[in-house]
Protein backbone atom coordinates (compact mmCIF):
# COMPACT_ATOMS: atom_id res chain seq x y z
CA MET A 1 -81.62 -93.58 125.53
CA ALA A 2 -77.76 -93.17 125.64
CA ALA A 3 -76.02 -91.87 128.98
CA LEU A 4 -74.09 -88.65 128.67
CA VAL A 5 -70.67 -89.40 129.50
CA ASN A 6 -68.53 -86.27 131.03
CA GLU A 7 -65.61 -86.24 129.63
CA SER A 8 -62.80 -83.64 131.40
CA ARG A 9 -60.38 -83.48 128.47
CA ASP A 10 -60.33 -81.97 124.87
CA LYS A 11 -62.22 -84.62 122.58
CA ARG A 12 -60.86 -83.37 119.31
CA GLY A 13 -59.58 -86.56 118.03
CA ASP A 14 -63.03 -87.56 117.92
CA PRO A 15 -65.41 -84.31 116.64
CA PRO A 16 -68.76 -84.48 117.81
CA VAL A 17 -71.83 -83.03 116.98
CA PRO A 18 -72.74 -80.13 118.96
CA VAL A 19 -76.59 -80.13 120.61
CA SER A 20 -77.98 -76.74 120.63
CA ARG A 21 -78.85 -75.75 124.36
CA GLN A 22 -81.94 -72.73 124.62
CA GLY A 23 -80.81 -70.52 126.99
CA ALA A 24 -77.09 -70.37 126.74
CA SER A 25 -75.17 -67.83 128.17
CA SER A 26 -73.94 -65.35 125.12
CA SER A 27 -70.30 -64.89 127.57
CA ALA A 28 -69.68 -68.48 126.60
CA VAL A 29 -66.31 -69.32 126.22
CA ALA A 30 -64.87 -68.84 122.18
CA PRO A 31 -62.18 -71.82 121.62
CA ARG A 32 -59.54 -71.29 119.46
CA PRO A 33 -60.28 -72.49 115.55
CA ARG A 34 -58.75 -75.81 116.05
CA GLU A 35 -61.00 -76.66 119.26
CA ARG A 36 -63.80 -74.71 117.14
CA ALA A 37 -63.73 -77.13 114.39
CA ASP A 38 -63.80 -79.82 116.91
CA LEU A 39 -66.79 -79.09 117.89
CA SER A 40 -68.43 -78.61 114.94
CA GLY A 41 -67.50 -81.70 113.49
CA SER A 42 -66.13 -82.00 109.33
CA SER A 43 -68.89 -84.00 108.38
CA PRO A 44 -71.92 -85.55 109.77
CA GLY A 45 -71.75 -88.11 112.07
CA GLY A 46 -68.40 -86.82 113.08
CA GLU A 47 -65.86 -88.45 111.09
CA ARG A 48 -62.90 -86.66 110.51
CA THR A 49 -60.77 -87.21 107.26
CA ALA A 50 -56.81 -85.76 106.81
CA PRO A 51 -57.57 -82.85 104.21
CA LYS A 52 -55.14 -83.86 102.10
CA GLN A 53 -56.13 -87.47 101.72
CA SER A 54 -59.71 -86.94 101.97
CA VAL A 55 -61.87 -88.11 98.41
CA SER A 56 -64.82 -86.64 100.04
CA ALA A 57 -65.54 -83.76 102.93
CA ARG A 58 -68.90 -84.69 103.85
CA PRO A 59 -69.71 -88.71 103.16
CA LYS A 60 -72.99 -89.66 103.48
CA GLY A 61 -74.61 -90.99 106.30
CA GLY A 62 -74.33 -94.68 106.79
CA GLU A 63 -71.74 -95.12 103.33
CA LEU A 64 -69.85 -97.91 103.88
CA ILE A 65 -66.11 -97.24 102.90
CA VAL A 66 -64.11 -100.00 101.75
CA GLY A 67 -60.26 -100.24 101.34
CA ARG A 68 -57.24 -102.52 101.96
CA LEU A 69 -56.46 -101.55 105.71
CA THR A 70 -52.61 -100.49 105.71
CA ALA A 71 -52.35 -98.81 109.04
CA HIS A 72 -54.34 -98.42 112.26
CA GLY A 73 -53.57 -97.24 115.89
CA ARG A 74 -54.05 -95.00 118.30
CA ALA A 75 -52.10 -91.50 117.34
CA HIS A 76 -52.58 -87.56 117.93
CA TYR A 77 -55.43 -86.27 115.80
CA GLN A 78 -53.54 -85.52 112.14
CA PHE A 79 -50.63 -86.66 113.49
CA ARG A 80 -50.12 -83.35 114.66
CA SER A 81 -48.07 -83.38 118.35
CA ASP A 82 -50.18 -80.62 119.66
CA GLU A 83 -53.65 -82.32 119.11
CA ASP A 84 -55.12 -84.56 121.56
CA LEU A 85 -54.73 -88.47 121.31
CA SER A 86 -57.20 -90.44 119.12
CA TYR A 87 -57.52 -93.51 116.90
CA TYR A 88 -57.16 -93.79 113.06
CA LEU A 89 -57.94 -96.51 110.32
CA LYS A 90 -55.63 -95.74 106.90
CA LEU A 91 -57.41 -97.85 103.99
CA LEU A 92 -56.14 -97.38 100.36
CA THR A 93 -59.60 -96.85 98.21
CA SER A 94 -60.44 -97.15 94.62
CA ARG A 95 -59.91 -93.29 95.01
CA GLY A 96 -56.99 -93.29 96.85
CA GLU A 97 -55.71 -93.51 100.57
CA ARG A 98 -58.35 -92.32 102.74
CA THR A 99 -57.72 -91.37 106.67
CA LEU A 100 -60.55 -92.13 109.61
CA TRP A 101 -60.37 -90.26 112.95
CA GLY A 102 -62.16 -91.41 115.95
CA LYS A 103 -62.11 -92.55 119.40
CA ASP A 104 -64.58 -94.94 118.71
CA LEU A 105 -62.87 -96.68 115.85
CA GLU A 106 -60.64 -98.36 118.70
CA ARG A 107 -63.88 -100.03 120.08
CA ALA A 108 -65.00 -101.33 116.71
CA VAL A 109 -61.79 -102.83 115.87
CA THR A 110 -61.81 -104.84 118.82
CA VAL A 111 -64.79 -106.34 119.03
CA SER A 112 -65.42 -106.82 115.28
CA GLU A 113 -66.14 -110.32 114.22
CA THR A 114 -64.00 -110.76 111.47
CA ARG A 115 -61.18 -109.66 113.02
CA PRO A 116 -59.47 -107.50 110.45
CA LYS A 117 -55.75 -107.29 110.39
CA VAL A 118 -53.39 -104.78 108.05
CA GLY A 119 -53.40 -106.21 104.64
CA ASP A 120 -57.13 -107.08 104.89
CA LEU A 121 -60.24 -105.47 102.51
CA VAL A 122 -62.62 -104.22 105.25
CA GLY A 123 -65.48 -101.95 105.37
CA ALA A 124 -66.42 -98.90 107.65
CA ARG A 125 -69.32 -98.15 108.31
CA ARG A 126 -70.93 -95.00 110.80
CA VAL A 127 -74.14 -96.74 112.29
CA GLY A 128 -75.10 -94.49 115.03
CA ARG A 129 -74.37 -91.99 117.55
CA ARG A 130 -73.75 -91.58 121.29
CA ALA A 131 -74.48 -88.32 123.62
CA VAL A 132 -71.40 -87.05 125.35
CA THR A 133 -70.23 -84.37 127.25
CA VAL A 134 -67.14 -82.52 125.42
CA THR A 135 -65.03 -79.70 127.03
CA ALA A 136 -63.83 -76.65 125.07
CA ARG A 137 -61.07 -74.72 126.13
CA GLU A 138 -59.50 -71.33 125.10
CA ARG A 139 -55.85 -71.17 125.17
CA ASP A 140 -53.37 -68.49 124.69
CA GLY A 141 -50.74 -68.03 122.02
CA GLU A 142 -48.34 -71.11 124.15
CA GLY A 143 -51.42 -73.30 124.47
CA ARG A 144 -51.95 -72.97 128.21
CA ILE A 145 -55.39 -72.71 129.16
CA LEU A 146 -57.60 -69.72 129.96
CA ARG A 147 -60.69 -70.71 130.19
CA GLN A 148 -62.91 -73.92 129.60
CA GLU A 149 -66.35 -74.80 129.21
CA GLU A 150 -68.32 -77.89 128.77
CA HIS A 151 -70.97 -78.86 126.06
CA HIS A 152 -73.48 -81.78 124.84
CA ALA A 153 -72.52 -83.34 122.12
CA HIS A 154 -72.86 -86.63 119.85
CA ARG A 155 -69.96 -89.12 119.01
CA THR A 156 -69.86 -91.63 116.28
CA ARG A 157 -70.21 -95.00 116.79
CA TRP A 158 -68.12 -97.00 114.22
CA VAL A 159 -68.75 -100.71 112.74
CA VAL A 160 -65.44 -102.00 111.14
CA GLU A 161 -65.33 -105.90 109.52
CA LYS A 162 -63.82 -107.38 106.43
CA VAL A 163 -66.09 -106.96 103.40
CA GLN A 164 -67.24 -110.47 103.61
CA PHE A 165 -69.37 -109.84 106.49
CA PHE A 166 -71.35 -106.80 104.92
CA ALA A 167 -71.80 -108.89 102.36
CA GLU A 168 -73.70 -111.81 104.10
CA ARG A 169 -75.15 -109.49 106.01
CA ALA A 170 -76.69 -107.96 102.79
CA ARG A 171 -77.62 -111.44 101.98
CA LEU A 172 -79.34 -111.83 105.40
CA ALA A 173 -81.22 -108.50 105.15
CA ARG A 174 -82.80 -109.65 102.05
CA ARG A 175 -84.39 -112.67 104.05
CA VAL A 176 -86.06 -110.71 106.37
CA ARG A 177 -87.16 -108.28 103.83
CA ASP A 178 -88.73 -111.00 101.50
CA GLU A 179 -92.22 -111.27 103.06
CA GLN A 180 -92.77 -114.71 100.91
CA ALA A 181 -89.16 -116.45 102.43
CA ASP A 182 -90.01 -119.76 104.18
CA VAL A 183 -89.53 -118.62 107.91
CA ARG A 184 -88.51 -122.41 109.06
CA GLU A 185 -86.30 -122.67 105.73
CA SER A 186 -84.35 -119.13 106.45
CA VAL A 187 -83.87 -120.11 110.29
CA ARG A 188 -82.11 -123.27 109.30
CA ALA A 189 -80.23 -122.16 106.71
CA HIS A 190 -79.17 -118.84 108.91
CA PRO A 191 -79.67 -119.99 112.78
CA GLU A 192 -78.32 -116.45 113.59
CA LEU A 193 -81.59 -115.00 112.01
CA LYS A 194 -83.73 -117.13 114.38
CA SER A 195 -84.27 -114.37 117.00
CA THR A 196 -85.06 -111.78 114.47
CA PHE A 197 -88.16 -113.87 113.13
CA LEU A 198 -88.94 -114.33 116.58
CA SER A 199 -88.96 -110.64 116.79
CA LEU A 200 -91.15 -110.24 113.86
CA ARG A 201 -93.51 -112.75 114.89
CA ALA A 202 -94.37 -110.63 118.17
CA ALA A 203 -94.98 -107.36 116.11
CA GLU A 204 -97.62 -109.81 114.21
CA ALA A 205 -99.14 -110.44 117.19
CA PHE A 206 -99.10 -107.13 118.35
CA ALA A 207 -100.72 -105.40 115.30
CA ALA A 208 -103.38 -108.07 115.02
CA ARG A 209 -104.55 -107.31 118.43
CA ARG A 210 -103.75 -103.31 118.25
CA ILE A 211 -104.33 -102.65 114.59
CA ALA A 212 -108.13 -102.75 113.42
CA ASP A 213 -107.24 -101.47 109.81
CA PRO A 214 -105.68 -103.74 107.81
CA ASN A 215 -103.95 -101.31 105.62
CA ASP A 216 -102.34 -99.45 109.02
CA ARG A 217 -101.46 -103.33 110.49
CA ALA A 218 -99.33 -103.87 106.86
CA ARG A 219 -97.92 -100.33 106.88
CA PHE A 220 -96.73 -100.93 110.55
CA LEU A 221 -95.35 -104.16 109.96
CA GLU A 222 -93.53 -103.11 106.61
CA LEU A 223 -91.60 -100.71 108.33
CA VAL A 224 -90.68 -102.97 111.18
CA ARG A 225 -89.48 -105.21 108.80
CA GLY A 226 -87.30 -102.76 107.05
CA ALA A 227 -86.40 -101.97 110.13
CA MET A 228 -84.89 -104.86 111.35
CA ALA A 229 -83.53 -105.36 107.87
CA GLY A 230 -81.81 -102.35 107.80
CA SER A 231 -79.91 -102.81 111.20
CA ILE A 232 -78.38 -105.96 110.23
CA GLN A 233 -77.36 -104.61 106.67
CA LYS A 234 -75.70 -102.04 108.67
CA GLY A 235 -73.82 -104.30 110.51
CA GLU A 236 -74.94 -103.99 114.03
CA PRO A 237 -75.63 -106.54 116.61
CA LEU A 238 -78.31 -109.41 115.70
CA PRO A 239 -81.20 -109.02 118.30
CA SER A 240 -81.47 -111.62 120.80
CA VAL A 241 -84.13 -113.16 122.13
CA HIS A 242 -84.12 -115.60 124.91
CA LEU A 243 -87.21 -118.07 125.37
CA ARG A 244 -87.31 -120.01 128.82
CA ASP A 245 -88.88 -123.51 128.04
CA ARG A 246 -92.14 -124.29 129.38
CA ARG A 247 -90.99 -127.09 131.86
CA GLU A 248 -88.87 -124.77 133.27
CA ARG A 249 -91.30 -121.91 134.18
CA THR A 250 -93.42 -124.77 135.58
CA GLN A 251 -90.70 -125.60 137.68
CA GLN A 252 -89.74 -121.75 138.87
CA SER A 253 -93.72 -121.35 139.13
CA PRO A 254 -95.09 -124.41 140.55
CA THR A 255 -98.74 -124.24 141.46
CA LYS A 256 -99.45 -123.59 145.14
CA ALA A 257 -101.58 -126.50 146.96
CA ILE A 258 -104.68 -125.24 148.01
CA SER A 259 -105.09 -126.13 151.55
CA ARG A 260 -108.20 -126.62 153.74
CA LYS A 261 -108.55 -125.88 157.40
CA PRO A 262 -110.54 -128.11 159.20
CA GLU A 263 -113.93 -127.68 159.77
CA GLY A 264 -114.96 -127.39 163.60
CA PRO A 265 -117.60 -129.00 165.03
CA THR A 266 -121.27 -127.84 163.82
CA ARG A 267 -123.05 -126.65 166.84
């Protein structure tokens, strides 16, 4: 479960999706129009796109946005000096230039496996959300803070990689979905899938022990396989399973010798 992150300043650079709270006070702080838009989010998952450059106001969640990376970096949201700092990606897509905004984009670019650079053909995809706490502020006409209030919300997580990465992940996902695929051959060709197939084997063993009905068991394994393949295709980190060597376990847990106390003389 994602931990709440306390924020002490506005999050206009990374628009959250508010989480409703029961019993909220009717005298809650009403943020100014720009801050109200920040709390509601301009699209599912928190993507912010500059109005003049936006191709779609509400792209589908999990959509892979492909384009030539023309620029990226920290900047005030929508390049307005009165907005908070955020992070942007400019992509030249087949439908025109598109600017994506979000604080997590900086992390996604930094930890990217393919290390995309300006000029590369890249893909950007929202892969999830994490819970955060944001602060809504009411300001006067000169921008001075009058009141503020914290709200629970969600922040979008991104994956940003070169397009070859997503093409390879799609191939790996097809391998995982194929129930007839030879596991040994798949692992030999793609060692990075070893942990995935070990996890599937563990799921099969669990289903064999706990699910009596064959149809229910097949459905369960289908869901597990589909979830793993979907995660791989989206670009999320591959599962990691570490198995200890049997000899290592034996050395760590040696069999204790049974000692007997000498019997006393019989009386």
